[in-house]
Amino acid sequence: QGAPVTTVIGDADRMKSILAGASPVTFSIPPMLQGV
């Protein structure tokens, strides 16, 4: 039962890393400016 929990935590950390890496790119090019 411990393995699935560890996998979920690992996936969560992975998603955080992906979101953290994508956030600067997303915020550096605001959608509003793209619309203009």
N, C-alpha and C. Protein backbone atom coordinates (compact mmCIF):
# COMPACT_ATOMS: atom_id res chain seq x y z
N GLN A 1 0.83 -1.21 0.00
CA GLN A 1 0.00 0.00 0.00
C GLN A 1 0.87 1.26 0.00
N GLY A 2 2.12 1.13 0.43
CA GLY A 2 3.00 2.30 0.49
C GLY A 2 3.47 2.73 -0.88
N ALA A 3 3.59 1.76 -1.80
CA ALA A 3 4.10 2.09 -3.14
C ALA A 3 3.18 3.06 -3.88
N PRO A 4 1.87 2.80 -3.94
CA PRO A 4 0.97 3.72 -4.65
C PRO A 4 1.03 5.13 -4.09
N VAL A 5 1.11 5.25 -2.75
CA VAL A 5 1.19 6.58 -2.15
C VAL A 5 2.45 7.29 -2.60
N THR A 6 3.57 6.57 -2.61
CA THR A 6 4.84 7.17 -3.03
C THR A 6 4.75 7.60 -4.49
N THR A 7 4.08 6.79 -5.31
CA THR A 7 3.94 7.12 -6.73
C THR A 7 3.12 8.38 -6.89
N VAL A 8 2.04 8.49 -6.13
CA VAL A 8 1.19 9.68 -6.23
C VAL A 8 1.97 10.92 -5.82
N ILE A 9 2.73 10.81 -4.74
CA ILE A 9 3.53 11.95 -4.28
C ILE A 9 4.56 12.31 -5.35
N GLY A 10 5.17 11.30 -5.95
CA GLY A 10 6.17 11.56 -6.99
C GLY A 10 5.54 12.25 -8.18
N ASP A 11 4.33 11.81 -8.56
CA ASP A 11 3.64 12.44 -9.69
C ASP A 11 3.30 13.88 -9.35
N ALA A 12 2.88 14.12 -8.11
CA ALA A 12 2.53 15.48 -7.68
C ALA A 12 3.75 16.38 -7.76
N ASP A 13 4.89 15.88 -7.29
CA ASP A 13 6.12 16.69 -7.35
C ASP A 13 6.49 16.94 -8.80
N ARG A 14 6.27 15.93 -9.65
CA ARG A 14 6.61 16.08 -11.07
C ARG A 14 5.73 17.17 -11.69
N MET A 15 4.44 17.14 -11.37
CA MET A 15 3.53 18.15 -11.91
C MET A 15 3.92 19.54 -11.42
N LYS A 16 4.30 19.63 -10.13
CA LYS A 16 4.72 20.92 -9.58
C LYS A 16 5.93 21.45 -10.36
N SER A 17 6.87 20.56 -10.65
CA SER A 17 8.07 20.98 -11.37
C SER A 17 7.70 21.46 -12.77
N ILE A 18 6.78 20.73 -13.42
CA ILE A 18 6.36 21.11 -14.78
C ILE A 18 5.64 22.46 -14.74
N LEU A 19 4.74 22.62 -13.77
CA LEU A 19 3.99 23.89 -13.67
C LEU A 19 4.95 25.01 -13.31
N ALA A 20 5.89 24.74 -12.42
CA ALA A 20 6.84 25.77 -12.01
C ALA A 20 7.70 26.18 -13.20
N GLY A 21 8.05 25.22 -14.05
CA GLY A 21 8.88 25.53 -15.22
C GLY A 21 8.07 26.24 -16.30
N ALA A 22 6.77 25.95 -16.38
CA ALA A 22 5.94 26.55 -17.43
C ALA A 22 5.45 27.93 -17.02
N SER A 23 5.30 28.15 -15.71
CA SER A 23 4.75 29.43 -15.23
C SER A 23 5.55 30.64 -15.74
N PRO A 24 6.87 30.66 -15.58
CA PRO A 24 7.64 31.83 -16.05
C PRO A 24 7.40 32.11 -17.52
N VAL A 25 7.32 31.07 -18.33
CA VAL A 25 7.11 31.25 -19.77
C VAL A 25 5.72 31.82 -20.02
N THR A 26 4.74 31.30 -19.30
CA THR A 26 3.36 31.75 -19.49
C THR A 26 3.21 33.20 -19.07
N PHE A 27 3.82 33.55 -17.93
CA PHE A 27 3.67 34.92 -17.42
C PHE A 27 4.54 35.90 -18.22
N SER A 28 5.61 35.41 -18.83
CA SER A 28 6.47 36.31 -19.60
C SER A 28 5.75 36.76 -20.87
N ILE A 29 4.76 35.96 -21.32
CA ILE A 29 3.98 36.32 -22.51
C ILE A 29 2.50 36.35 -22.12
N PRO A 30 2.05 37.45 -21.51
CA PRO A 30 0.66 37.54 -21.06
C PRO A 30 -0.32 37.36 -22.23
N PRO A 31 -1.39 36.56 -22.03
CA PRO A 31 -2.39 36.33 -23.08
C PRO A 31 -2.99 37.64 -23.58
N MET A 32 -3.15 38.62 -22.69
CA MET A 32 -3.74 39.90 -23.09
C MET A 32 -2.87 40.59 -24.14
N LEU A 33 -1.55 40.51 -23.96
CA LEU A 33 -0.64 41.14 -24.92
C LEU A 33 -0.70 40.39 -26.25
N GLN A 34 -0.87 39.07 -26.18
CA GLN A 34 -0.97 38.28 -27.41
C GLN A 34 -2.21 38.70 -28.20
N GLY A 35 -3.30 39.00 -27.45
CA GLY A 35 -4.54 39.41 -28.11
C GLY A 35 -4.36 40.75 -28.81
N VAL A 36 -3.54 41.63 -28.19
CA VAL A 36 -3.31 42.93 -28.79
C VAL A 36 -2.34 42.76 -29.95
